[in-house]
Every structure is written in structure tokens, then in C-alpha cells.
Amino acid sequence: MNYPSAMQAVLRLDETVYPAIMTENRTVWYSVANIAVFGILHALFSLYFSSALMDAGPSAEPMSLAARAAIVLVGVAVAFFMHAGAAMFLWVFSRGIGGNTLFFPVYFNLGISFIGLWPLAPVLAAVQSGINGTAVLLLLFLASVYALAVILFGTKSASGLSMARMSTSMAVTIIFVACFLYLWL
């Protein structure tokens, strides 16, 4: 199974594709590619939307190519850190209610599921740069729900839980992370 057909199956919420990817020894590559592309997309759209805001000022100088490249690299690193943290929380909470005790299947399936976050990257960057409006917030909501659905099916395949248990695990993870971020900010 090649990358485009595998990712189409992931985006169609087909959880049977994950074991097929694993048997072909492509799990790591697909995971790394999807996380890196998400980081690049978010960083590029963040640069685009922030440069539109910075160019409005009278004393704004254009950002150098090196600074832009550094921001993109940091965006990729942040995407990998976000992935690792989310995988840890999903693994802990799915394991806590009877899921697979192995960490790496959840870790890599979550990475493969990051392709579901790609449509979220431009909308999230727009909202983070201060662009708000009904259409943007609606797109943010729809892209977030779709991304969560892709992640749900990917981690469900890895954890071996039923849909109800995996949904519970994911809900607890979201609540825990939201509370953690609230306390941190």
C-alpha cells in the first residue's frame, strides 16, 4: 500500500489501514512525514498571517529568510513535541481503562493520524494571529471535529478498545490537557 492510498484510507476513517501499514514496515515513515508536514503547514500559515499583521506597521522590516526558516523548523519541533505529549496522555488514559499496554502503537498511529490535522493548520494559524469571524470559527470547529475523528479511529486501532471506551479515553485526555493548559496560562 503506497502513501497516497494509505492516507486516503486514514482520512476515510478506515481503522483497518493501520495494521496494513504496520505489516509493510512503513509506520515510522508515515508518522514522521505527517507530523513534519503538519508542523511545516502551521508554521508557514503562521508566517503568512503574522506577516500580514506586521506589514501594516510603518516601521516594519521584512523578516529575513533565515528567520523564516528558523520559525518553520521550530514549528516542526513543536509539532513533534505536541505529538509526543498527546500520545503519552492518550496511552495513559486508554491503558487505564483496559487498552493495549504498549506505548508505540498508540504513538505511531497518532502520528499517522496527524494527516487529519492538516486542514486545521491554516485555520488555527489564522485564529492564533487574531483573525476572527463566524466563518473562521465555524471552519475551526469543523476542522477540529474532523481531526479528532481521524485521531479517534487511529488510536482506537492501536489501543484495541471499543468505540465507547476509546471515546471516553479521548474525552478524558482532552479535559486533562485543557485543564493543564488553563493552569499553565
N, C-alpha and C. Protein backbone atom coordinates (compact mmCIF):
# COMPACT_ATOMS: atom_id res chain seq x y z
N MET A 1 0.85 -1.17 0.00
CA MET A 1 0.00 0.00 0.00
C MET A 1 0.90 1.24 0.00
N ASN A 2 0.74 2.08 -1.00
CA ASN A 2 1.57 3.28 -1.09
C ASN A 2 1.01 4.39 -0.20
N TYR A 3 1.79 5.45 -0.05
CA TYR A 3 1.43 6.53 0.86
C TYR A 3 0.09 7.19 0.51
N PRO A 4 -0.14 7.60 -0.75
CA PRO A 4 -1.43 8.25 -1.04
C PRO A 4 -2.64 7.36 -0.74
N SER A 5 -2.59 6.10 -1.11
CA SER A 5 -3.76 5.25 -0.86
C SER A 5 -3.92 4.97 0.63
N ALA A 6 -2.83 4.84 1.35
CA ALA A 6 -2.92 4.62 2.80
C ALA A 6 -3.51 5.85 3.48
N MET A 7 -3.08 7.03 3.08
CA MET A 7 -3.57 8.25 3.73
C MET A 7 -5.03 8.53 3.35
N GLN A 8 -5.44 8.13 2.15
CA GLN A 8 -6.84 8.25 1.79
C GLN A 8 -7.70 7.37 2.69
N ALA A 9 -7.21 6.17 2.99
CA ALA A 9 -7.94 5.28 3.89
C ALA A 9 -7.99 5.86 5.30
N VAL A 10 -6.90 6.46 5.74
CA VAL A 10 -6.88 7.10 7.07
C VAL A 10 -7.90 8.22 7.10
N LEU A 11 -7.95 9.03 6.06
CA LEU A 11 -8.88 10.16 6.02
C LEU A 11 -10.33 9.72 5.86
N ARG A 12 -10.54 8.50 5.36
CA ARG A 12 -11.90 7.95 5.27
C ARG A 12 -12.30 7.25 6.58
N LEU A 13 -11.47 7.38 7.60
CA LEU A 13 -11.71 6.81 8.94
C LEU A 13 -11.73 5.28 8.91
N ASP A 14 -10.88 4.70 8.09
CA ASP A 14 -10.76 3.25 7.99
C ASP A 14 -9.66 2.79 8.93
N GLU A 15 -10.05 2.22 10.06
CA GLU A 15 -9.04 1.83 11.04
C GLU A 15 -8.31 0.54 10.68
N THR A 16 -8.75 -0.15 9.63
CA THR A 16 -8.05 -1.37 9.22
C THR A 16 -6.76 -1.07 8.46
N VAL A 17 -6.55 0.18 8.07
CA VAL A 17 -5.35 0.53 7.33
C VAL A 17 -4.12 0.56 8.23
N TYR A 18 -4.30 0.81 9.51
CA TYR A 18 -3.15 0.93 10.42
C TYR A 18 -2.37 -0.39 10.55
N PRO A 19 -3.04 -1.53 10.75
CA PRO A 19 -2.27 -2.78 10.77
C PRO A 19 -1.60 -3.08 9.42
N ALA A 20 -2.24 -2.70 8.32
CA ALA A 20 -1.64 -2.91 7.00
C ALA A 20 -0.37 -2.09 6.84
N ILE A 21 -0.40 -0.86 7.33
CA ILE A 21 0.79 -0.01 7.29
C ILE A 21 1.90 -0.62 8.15
N MET A 22 1.51 -1.17 9.29
CA MET A 22 2.49 -1.75 10.20
C MET A 22 3.14 -2.99 9.59
N THR A 23 2.36 -3.83 8.92
CA THR A 23 2.93 -5.04 8.34
C THR A 23 3.89 -4.72 7.20
N GLU A 24 3.71 -3.58 6.56
CA GLU A 24 4.62 -3.17 5.48
C GLU A 24 5.81 -2.37 6.00
N ASN A 25 5.94 -2.25 7.32
CA ASN A 25 7.06 -1.53 7.96
C ASN A 25 7.17 -0.08 7.50
N ARG A 26 6.03 0.59 7.36
CA ARG A 26 6.02 1.99 6.94
C ARG A 26 5.46 2.90 8.03
N THR A 27 5.20 2.35 9.18
CA THR A 27 4.57 3.11 10.25
C THR A 27 5.39 4.33 10.65
N VAL A 28 6.67 4.12 10.87
CA VAL A 28 7.53 5.22 11.33
C VAL A 28 7.61 6.31 10.27
N TRP A 29 7.80 5.93 9.02
CA TRP A 29 7.96 6.91 7.96
C TRP A 29 6.68 7.72 7.75
N TYR A 30 5.54 7.05 7.74
CA TYR A 30 4.28 7.77 7.56
C TYR A 30 4.00 8.69 8.74
N SER A 31 4.33 8.22 9.92
CA SER A 31 4.12 9.03 11.12
C SER A 31 4.99 10.29 11.08
N VAL A 32 6.26 10.11 10.82
CA VAL A 32 7.19 11.24 10.77
C VAL A 32 6.78 12.23 9.68
N ALA A 33 6.42 11.71 8.52
CA ALA A 33 6.02 12.59 7.41
C ALA A 33 4.79 13.41 7.77
N ASN A 34 3.78 12.78 8.35
CA ASN A 34 2.55 13.51 8.66
C ASN A 34 2.74 14.55 9.75
N ILE A 35 3.55 14.24 10.75
CA ILE A 35 3.81 15.22 11.80
C ILE A 35 4.62 16.38 11.25
N ALA A 36 5.66 16.07 10.47
CA ALA A 36 6.50 17.13 9.91
C ALA A 36 5.71 18.04 8.98
N VAL A 37 4.87 17.47 8.14
CA VAL A 37 4.08 18.31 7.22
C VAL A 37 3.11 19.18 8.01
N PHE A 38 2.50 18.65 9.07
CA PHE A 38 1.63 19.49 9.89
C PHE A 38 2.42 20.66 10.48
N GLY A 39 3.60 20.39 11.01
CA GLY A 39 4.42 21.46 11.58
C GLY A 39 4.81 22.50 10.54
N ILE A 40 5.16 22.04 9.35
CA ILE A 40 5.52 22.97 8.27
C ILE A 40 4.32 23.80 7.85
N LEU A 41 3.17 23.15 7.67
CA LEU A 41 1.96 23.88 7.27
C LEU A 41 1.58 24.95 8.29
N HIS A 42 1.58 24.56 9.56
CA HIS A 42 1.19 25.52 10.60
C HIS A 42 2.18 26.67 10.65
N ALA A 43 3.47 26.38 10.56
CA ALA A 43 4.48 27.44 10.60
C ALA A 43 4.37 28.37 9.40
N LEU A 44 4.17 27.81 8.21
CA LEU A 44 4.06 28.65 7.01
C LEU A 44 2.83 29.54 7.06
N PHE A 45 1.70 28.97 7.48
CA PHE A 45 0.49 29.79 7.58
C PHE A 45 0.61 30.81 8.71
N SER A 46 1.29 30.46 9.77
CA SER A 46 1.53 31.44 10.84
C SER A 46 2.38 32.59 10.34
N LEU A 47 3.42 32.26 9.56
CA LEU A 47 4.24 33.33 8.97
C LEU A 47 3.42 34.19 8.03
N TYR A 48 2.57 33.56 7.24
CA TYR A 48 1.74 34.32 6.29
C TYR A 48 0.80 35.28 7.02
N PHE A 49 0.09 34.76 8.00
CA PHE A 49 -0.88 35.61 8.70
C PHE A 49 -0.20 36.63 9.58
N SER A 50 0.91 36.29 10.20
CA SER A 50 1.60 37.26 11.05
C SER A 50 2.30 38.32 10.21
N SER A 51 2.81 37.96 9.03
CA SER A 51 3.44 38.97 8.18
C SER A 51 2.40 39.95 7.67
N ALA A 52 1.19 39.49 7.45
CA ALA A 52 0.13 40.40 7.04
C ALA A 52 -0.16 41.41 8.15
N LEU A 53 -0.05 40.98 9.40
CA LEU A 53 -0.26 41.89 10.52
C LEU A 53 0.94 42.81 10.71
N MET A 54 2.16 42.27 10.54
CA MET A 54 3.37 43.07 10.76
C MET A 54 3.58 44.09 9.65
N ASP A 55 3.17 43.78 8.43
CA ASP A 55 3.36 44.71 7.33
C ASP A 55 2.49 45.94 7.45
N ALA A 56 1.49 45.89 8.33
CA ALA A 56 0.60 47.03 8.50
C ALA A 56 1.28 48.18 9.22
N GLY A 57 2.31 47.90 10.00
CA GLY A 57 3.00 48.94 10.77
C GLY A 57 3.94 49.75 9.89
N PRO A 58 4.17 51.02 10.25
CA PRO A 58 5.02 51.89 9.42
C PRO A 58 6.51 51.54 9.53
N SER A 59 6.96 50.99 10.64
CA SER A 59 8.39 50.72 10.80
C SER A 59 8.73 49.24 10.65
N ALA A 60 7.83 48.48 10.09
CA ALA A 60 8.06 47.04 9.96
C ALA A 60 9.06 46.75 8.85
N GLU A 61 10.05 45.94 9.20
CA GLU A 61 11.02 45.50 8.21
C GLU A 61 10.69 44.06 7.85
N PRO A 62 10.94 43.67 6.61
CA PRO A 62 10.65 42.28 6.24
C PRO A 62 11.57 41.32 6.99
N MET A 63 11.03 40.18 7.34
CA MET A 63 11.77 39.17 8.07
C MET A 63 12.75 38.49 7.13
N SER A 64 13.95 38.22 7.62
CA SER A 64 14.96 37.58 6.79
C SER A 64 14.58 36.12 6.50
N LEU A 65 15.18 35.59 5.46
CA LEU A 65 14.93 34.20 5.09
C LEU A 65 15.38 33.25 6.19
N ALA A 66 16.50 33.56 6.84
CA ALA A 66 17.00 32.72 7.92
C ALA A 66 16.02 32.70 9.10
N ALA A 67 15.44 33.84 9.41
CA ALA A 67 14.47 33.90 10.50
C ALA A 67 13.21 33.11 10.15
N ARG A 68 12.79 33.21 8.90
CA ARG A 68 11.61 32.44 8.46
C ARG A 68 11.89 30.94 8.51
N ALA A 69 13.08 30.54 8.08
CA ALA A 69 13.46 29.11 8.12
C ALA A 69 13.52 28.63 9.56
N ALA A 70 14.03 29.46 10.46
CA ALA A 70 14.09 29.07 11.88
C ALA A 70 12.69 28.89 12.45
N ILE A 71 11.77 29.75 12.07
CA ILE A 71 10.39 29.63 12.55
C ILE A 71 9.76 28.34 12.04
N VAL A 72 10.01 27.99 10.79
CA VAL A 72 9.47 26.75 10.24
C VAL A 72 10.06 25.55 10.97
N LEU A 73 11.35 25.56 11.23
CA LEU A 73 11.98 24.46 11.97
C LEU A 73 11.45 24.34 13.39
N VAL A 74 11.23 25.47 14.03
CA VAL A 74 10.64 25.45 15.37
C VAL A 74 9.22 24.92 15.30
N GLY A 75 8.48 25.27 14.25
CA GLY A 75 7.13 24.75 14.09
C GLY A 75 7.11 23.24 13.96
N VAL A 76 8.08 22.69 13.25
CA VAL A 76 8.18 21.23 13.12
C VAL A 76 8.52 20.61 14.48
N ALA A 77 9.44 21.22 15.20
CA ALA A 77 9.80 20.70 16.52
C ALA A 77 8.61 20.74 17.47
N VAL A 78 7.85 21.82 17.45
CA VAL A 78 6.67 21.93 18.31
C VAL A 78 5.64 20.86 17.94
N ALA A 79 5.49 20.59 16.65
CA ALA A 79 4.55 19.55 16.23
C ALA A 79 4.97 18.19 16.78
N PHE A 80 6.26 17.90 16.78
CA PHE A 80 6.73 16.62 17.32
C PHE A 80 6.55 16.56 18.84
N PHE A 81 6.79 17.66 19.53
CA PHE A 81 6.56 17.69 20.98
C PHE A 81 5.08 17.54 21.31
N MET A 82 4.24 18.22 20.53
CA MET A 82 2.80 18.11 20.74
C MET A 82 2.34 16.67 20.51
N HIS A 83 2.88 16.04 19.48
CA HIS A 83 2.55 14.65 19.19
C HIS A 83 2.96 13.73 20.33
N ALA A 84 4.17 13.91 20.82
CA ALA A 84 4.66 13.04 21.91
C ALA A 84 3.83 13.20 23.17
N GLY A 85 3.49 14.42 23.52
CA GLY A 85 2.67 14.65 24.71
C GLY A 85 1.27 14.09 24.56
N ALA A 86 0.66 14.32 23.41
CA ALA A 86 -0.68 13.78 23.18
C ALA A 86 -0.67 12.26 23.18
N ALA A 87 0.35 11.67 22.59
CA ALA A 87 0.45 10.20 22.58
C ALA A 87 0.59 9.67 24.00
N MET A 88 1.37 10.34 24.82
CA MET A 88 1.55 9.89 26.20
C MET A 88 0.22 9.93 26.96
N PHE A 89 -0.50 11.03 26.83
CA PHE A 89 -1.77 11.13 27.55
C PHE A 89 -2.80 10.13 27.02
N LEU A 90 -2.89 9.99 25.70
CA LEU A 90 -3.83 9.02 25.14
C LEU A 90 -3.48 7.60 25.56
N TRP A 91 -2.21 7.28 25.59
CA TRP A 91 -1.77 5.94 26.01
C TRP A 91 -2.11 5.71 27.48
N VAL A 92 -1.83 6.68 28.32
CA VAL A 92 -2.10 6.52 29.76
C VAL A 92 -3.58 6.31 30.01
N PHE A 93 -4.41 7.14 29.41
CA PHE A 93 -5.84 7.04 29.70
C PHE A 93 -6.48 5.85 29.00
N SER A 94 -6.00 5.47 27.82
CA SER A 94 -6.58 4.27 27.19
C SER A 94 -6.09 3.01 27.91
N ARG A 95 -4.87 3.02 28.36
CA ARG A 95 -4.36 1.88 29.14
C ARG A 95 -5.09 1.77 30.47
N GLY A 96 -5.44 2.90 31.03
CA GLY A 96 -6.13 2.91 32.33
C GLY A 96 -7.51 2.28 32.29
N ILE A 97 -8.13 2.24 31.11
CA ILE A 97 -9.46 1.62 31.04
C ILE A 97 -9.42 0.31 30.26
N GLY A 98 -8.24 -0.31 30.21
CA GLY A 98 -8.15 -1.65 29.66
C GLY A 98 -7.58 -1.77 28.26
N GLY A 99 -6.98 -0.70 27.75
CA GLY A 99 -6.42 -0.75 26.40
C GLY A 99 -5.07 -1.43 26.35
N ASN A 100 -4.52 -1.49 25.17
CA ASN A 100 -3.21 -2.09 24.93
C ASN A 100 -2.16 -1.44 25.83
N THR A 101 -1.30 -2.25 26.43
CA THR A 101 -0.30 -1.70 27.35
C THR A 101 0.94 -1.19 26.63
N LEU A 102 1.06 -1.42 25.33
CA LEU A 102 2.22 -0.96 24.58
C LEU A 102 2.04 0.50 24.17
N PHE A 103 3.11 1.29 24.33
CA PHE A 103 3.06 2.71 24.03
C PHE A 103 3.21 3.00 22.53
N PHE A 104 4.14 2.33 21.87
CA PHE A 104 4.47 2.71 20.49
C PHE A 104 3.35 2.53 19.48
N PRO A 105 2.47 1.55 19.60
CA PRO A 105 1.35 1.53 18.64
C PRO A 105 0.48 2.79 18.72
N VAL A 106 0.21 3.26 19.93
CA VAL A 106 -0.57 4.50 20.08
C VAL A 106 0.22 5.68 19.53
N TYR A 107 1.50 5.72 19.85
CA TYR A 107 2.38 6.81 19.42
C TYR A 107 2.41 6.92 17.89
N PHE A 108 2.66 5.81 17.21
CA PHE A 108 2.78 5.85 15.76
C PHE A 108 1.43 6.01 15.07
N ASN A 109 0.38 5.39 15.58
CA ASN A 109 -0.93 5.58 14.96
C ASN A 109 -1.40 7.03 15.10
N LEU A 110 -1.09 7.64 16.24
CA LEU A 110 -1.41 9.06 16.39
C LEU A 110 -0.63 9.88 15.38
N GLY A 111 0.62 9.55 15.16
CA GLY A 111 1.42 10.26 14.15
C GLY A 111 0.86 10.11 12.76
N ILE A 112 0.44 8.91 12.41
CA ILE A 112 -0.19 8.70 11.11
C ILE A 112 -1.48 9.51 11.02
N SER A 113 -2.21 9.59 12.12
CA SER A 113 -3.48 10.32 12.15
C SER A 113 -3.29 11.83 12.05
N PHE A 114 -2.06 12.31 12.17
CA PHE A 114 -1.82 13.76 12.06
C PHE A 114 -2.20 14.30 10.69
N ILE A 115 -2.38 13.45 9.71
CA ILE A 115 -2.83 13.94 8.41
C ILE A 115 -4.22 14.58 8.55
N GLY A 116 -4.99 14.14 9.52
CA GLY A 116 -6.29 14.75 9.78
C GLY A 116 -6.18 16.17 10.32
N LEU A 117 -5.00 16.53 10.83
CA LEU A 117 -4.79 17.88 11.34
C LEU A 117 -4.36 18.86 10.24
N TRP A 118 -3.98 18.36 9.09
CA TRP A 118 -3.52 19.25 8.02
C TRP A 118 -4.53 20.33 7.66
N PRO A 119 -5.84 20.01 7.50
CA PRO A 119 -6.79 21.09 7.20
C PRO A 119 -6.96 22.08 8.35
N LEU A 120 -6.60 21.66 9.55
CA LEU A 120 -6.73 22.53 10.71
C LEU A 120 -5.62 23.58 10.76
N ALA A 121 -4.47 23.30 10.19
CA ALA A 121 -3.30 24.18 10.30
C ALA A 121 -3.57 25.62 9.83
N PRO A 122 -4.11 25.85 8.65
CA PRO A 122 -4.31 27.25 8.23
C PRO A 122 -5.36 27.97 9.07
N VAL A 123 -6.40 27.27 9.43
CA VAL A 123 -7.46 27.90 10.22
C VAL A 123 -6.95 28.22 11.62
N LEU A 124 -6.22 27.31 12.21
CA LEU A 124 -5.66 27.53 13.54
C LEU A 124 -4.68 28.69 13.52
N ALA A 125 -3.83 28.77 12.50
CA ALA A 125 -2.88 29.88 12.39
C ALA A 125 -3.62 31.21 12.23
N ALA A 126 -4.70 31.20 11.48
CA ALA A 126 -5.48 32.43 11.31
C ALA A 126 -6.09 32.89 12.63
N VAL A 127 -6.66 31.95 13.38
CA VAL A 127 -7.27 32.30 14.67
C VAL A 127 -6.19 32.77 15.65
N GLN A 128 -5.05 32.11 15.66
CA GLN A 128 -3.97 32.49 16.56
C GLN A 128 -3.40 33.87 16.23
N SER A 129 -3.49 34.28 14.97
CA SER A 129 -2.99 35.60 14.59
C SER A 129 -4.02 36.69 14.82
N GLY A 130 -5.21 36.32 15.29
CA GLY A 130 -6.22 37.32 15.63
C GLY A 130 -7.32 37.47 14.61
N ILE A 131 -7.31 36.66 13.59
CA ILE A 131 -8.37 36.74 12.57
C ILE A 131 -9.56 35.96 13.11
N ASN A 132 -10.61 36.67 13.43
CA ASN A 132 -11.81 36.03 13.98
C ASN A 132 -13.00 36.42 13.13
N GLY A 133 -13.95 35.59 13.15
CA GLY A 133 -15.18 35.81 12.41
C GLY A 133 -15.99 34.54 12.46
N THR A 134 -17.22 34.63 12.13
CA THR A 134 -18.10 33.47 12.19
C THR A 134 -17.62 32.36 11.27
N ALA A 135 -17.24 32.71 10.06
CA ALA A 135 -16.81 31.69 9.10
C ALA A 135 -15.52 31.02 9.56
N VAL A 136 -14.57 31.80 10.07
CA VAL A 136 -13.30 31.23 10.52
C VAL A 136 -13.52 30.32 11.73
N LEU A 137 -14.34 30.76 12.66
CA LEU A 137 -14.61 29.93 13.85
C LEU A 137 -15.39 28.67 13.49
N LEU A 138 -16.28 28.77 12.51
CA LEU A 138 -17.00 27.58 12.05
C LEU A 138 -16.04 26.60 11.37
N LEU A 139 -15.14 27.13 10.54
CA LEU A 139 -14.13 26.27 9.92
C LEU A 139 -13.22 25.64 10.98
N LEU A 140 -12.86 26.40 12.01
CA LEU A 140 -12.04 25.86 13.09
C LEU A 140 -12.77 24.72 13.79
N PHE A 141 -14.03 24.90 14.06
CA PHE A 141 -14.83 23.86 14.71
C PHE A 141 -14.92 22.60 13.84
N LEU A 142 -15.25 22.78 12.58
CA LEU A 142 -15.40 21.62 11.68
C LEU A 142 -14.07 20.89 11.47
N ALA A 143 -13.00 21.63 11.27
CA ALA A 143 -11.69 21.00 11.08
C ALA A 143 -11.24 20.29 12.36
N SER A 144 -11.56 20.85 13.51
CA SER A 144 -11.19 20.22 14.79
C SER A 144 -11.96 18.93 15.01
N VAL A 145 -13.24 18.94 14.71
CA VAL A 145 -14.06 17.73 14.88
C VAL A 145 -13.56 16.64 13.95
N TYR A 146 -13.27 17.00 12.70
CA TYR A 146 -12.76 16.00 11.76
C TYR A 146 -11.41 15.45 12.20
N ALA A 147 -10.52 16.33 12.64
CA ALA A 147 -9.20 15.89 13.10
C ALA A 147 -9.33 14.96 14.31
N LEU A 148 -10.22 15.28 15.23
CA LEU A 148 -10.44 14.41 16.39
C LEU A 148 -11.01 13.06 15.97
N ALA A 149 -11.85 13.05 14.95
CA ALA A 149 -12.40 11.78 14.47
C ALA A 149 -11.30 10.90 13.86
N VAL A 150 -10.41 11.50 13.08
CA VAL A 150 -9.30 10.75 12.49
C VAL A 150 -8.41 10.20 13.59
N ILE A 151 -8.11 11.03 14.57
CA ILE A 151 -7.27 10.60 15.69
C ILE A 151 -7.97 9.51 16.50
N LEU A 152 -9.26 9.64 16.70
CA LEU A 152 -10.01 8.64 17.46
C LEU A 152 -9.90 7.27 16.82
N PHE A 153 -10.08 7.19 15.51
CA PHE A 153 -10.01 5.90 14.84
C PHE A 153 -8.58 5.34 14.83
N GLY A 154 -7.60 6.21 14.70
CA GLY A 154 -6.22 5.74 14.71
C GLY A 154 -5.81 5.19 16.07
N THR A 155 -6.15 5.90 17.12
CA THR A 155 -5.76 5.43 18.45
C THR A 155 -6.64 4.27 18.91
N LYS A 156 -7.86 4.22 18.42
CA LYS A 156 -8.73 3.07 18.73
C LYS A 156 -8.13 1.80 18.15
N SER A 157 -7.61 1.89 16.93
CA SER A 157 -6.98 0.74 16.31
C SER A 157 -5.78 0.26 17.11
N ALA A 158 -5.01 1.20 17.67
CA ALA A 158 -3.81 0.83 18.42
C ALA A 158 -4.13 0.31 19.81
N SER A 159 -5.14 0.88 20.44
CA SER A 159 -5.43 0.51 21.83
C SER A 159 -6.26 -0.75 21.96
N GLY A 160 -7.01 -1.08 20.91
CA GLY A 160 -7.86 -2.26 20.97
C GLY A 160 -9.12 -2.07 21.80
N LEU A 161 -9.46 -0.83 22.08
CA LEU A 161 -10.66 -0.54 22.87
C LEU A 161 -11.90 -0.45 21.98
N SER A 162 -13.06 -0.57 22.61
CA SER A 162 -14.31 -0.34 21.89
C SER A 162 -14.45 1.15 21.61
N MET A 163 -15.38 1.51 20.76
CA MET A 163 -15.59 2.92 20.42
C MET A 163 -15.98 3.72 21.66
N ALA A 164 -16.83 3.16 22.49
CA ALA A 164 -17.26 3.88 23.70
C ALA A 164 -16.09 4.11 24.65
N ARG A 165 -15.28 3.09 24.86
CA ARG A 165 -14.13 3.24 25.78
C ARG A 165 -13.08 4.19 25.21
N MET A 166 -12.83 4.09 23.91
CA MET A 166 -11.83 4.98 23.32
C MET A 166 -12.33 6.41 23.31
N SER A 167 -13.62 6.62 23.09
CA SER A 167 -14.19 7.96 23.16
C SER A 167 -14.06 8.53 24.56
N THR A 168 -14.29 7.67 25.56
CA THR A 168 -14.12 8.11 26.95
C THR A 168 -12.67 8.47 27.22
N SER A 169 -11.76 7.64 26.77
CA SER A 169 -10.34 7.91 26.96
C SER A 169 -9.93 9.21 26.29
N MET A 170 -10.43 9.44 25.09
CA MET A 170 -10.09 10.67 24.38
C MET A 170 -10.70 11.89 25.06
N ALA A 171 -11.93 11.75 25.55
CA ALA A 171 -12.57 12.86 26.25
C ALA A 171 -11.82 13.22 27.53
N VAL A 172 -11.40 12.21 28.27
CA VAL A 172 -10.63 12.46 29.49
C VAL A 172 -9.30 13.12 29.15
N THR A 173 -8.68 12.68 28.07
CA THR A 173 -7.41 13.28 27.63
C THR A 173 -7.61 14.75 27.29
N ILE A 174 -8.66 15.06 26.55
CA ILE A 174 -8.93 16.45 26.16
C ILE A 174 -9.20 17.30 27.39
N ILE A 175 -10.00 16.80 28.31
CA ILE A 175 -10.30 17.54 29.54
C ILE A 175 -9.03 17.77 30.35
N PHE A 176 -8.21 16.73 30.49
CA PHE A 176 -6.98 16.84 31.27
C PHE A 176 -6.03 17.86 30.64
N VAL A 177 -5.85 17.78 29.34
CA VAL A 177 -4.94 18.71 28.67
C VAL A 177 -5.49 20.14 28.74
N ALA A 178 -6.81 20.30 28.58
CA ALA A 178 -7.40 21.63 28.67
C ALA A 178 -7.21 22.22 30.07
N CYS A 179 -7.40 21.41 31.09
CA CYS A 179 -7.18 21.89 32.47
C CYS A 179 -5.71 22.23 32.70
N PHE A 180 -4.83 21.41 32.19
CA PHE A 180 -3.40 21.64 32.32
C PHE A 180 -3.01 22.96 31.64
N LEU A 181 -3.51 23.18 30.42
CA LEU A 181 -3.21 24.43 29.71
C LEU A 181 -3.82 25.64 30.41
N TYR A 182 -5.00 25.47 30.98
CA TYR A 182 -5.64 26.56 31.71
C TYR A 182 -4.80 26.97 32.91
N LEU A 183 -4.29 25.99 33.63
CA LEU A 183 -3.45 26.29 34.80
C LEU A 183 -2.11 26.88 34.38
N TRP A 184 -1.60 26.45 33.24
CA TRP A 184 -0.31 26.92 32.77
C TRP A 184 -0.41 28.37 32.29
N LEU A 185 -1.50 28.69 31.61
CA LEU A 185 -1.64 30.05 31.08
C LEU A 185 -2.13 30.96 32.17
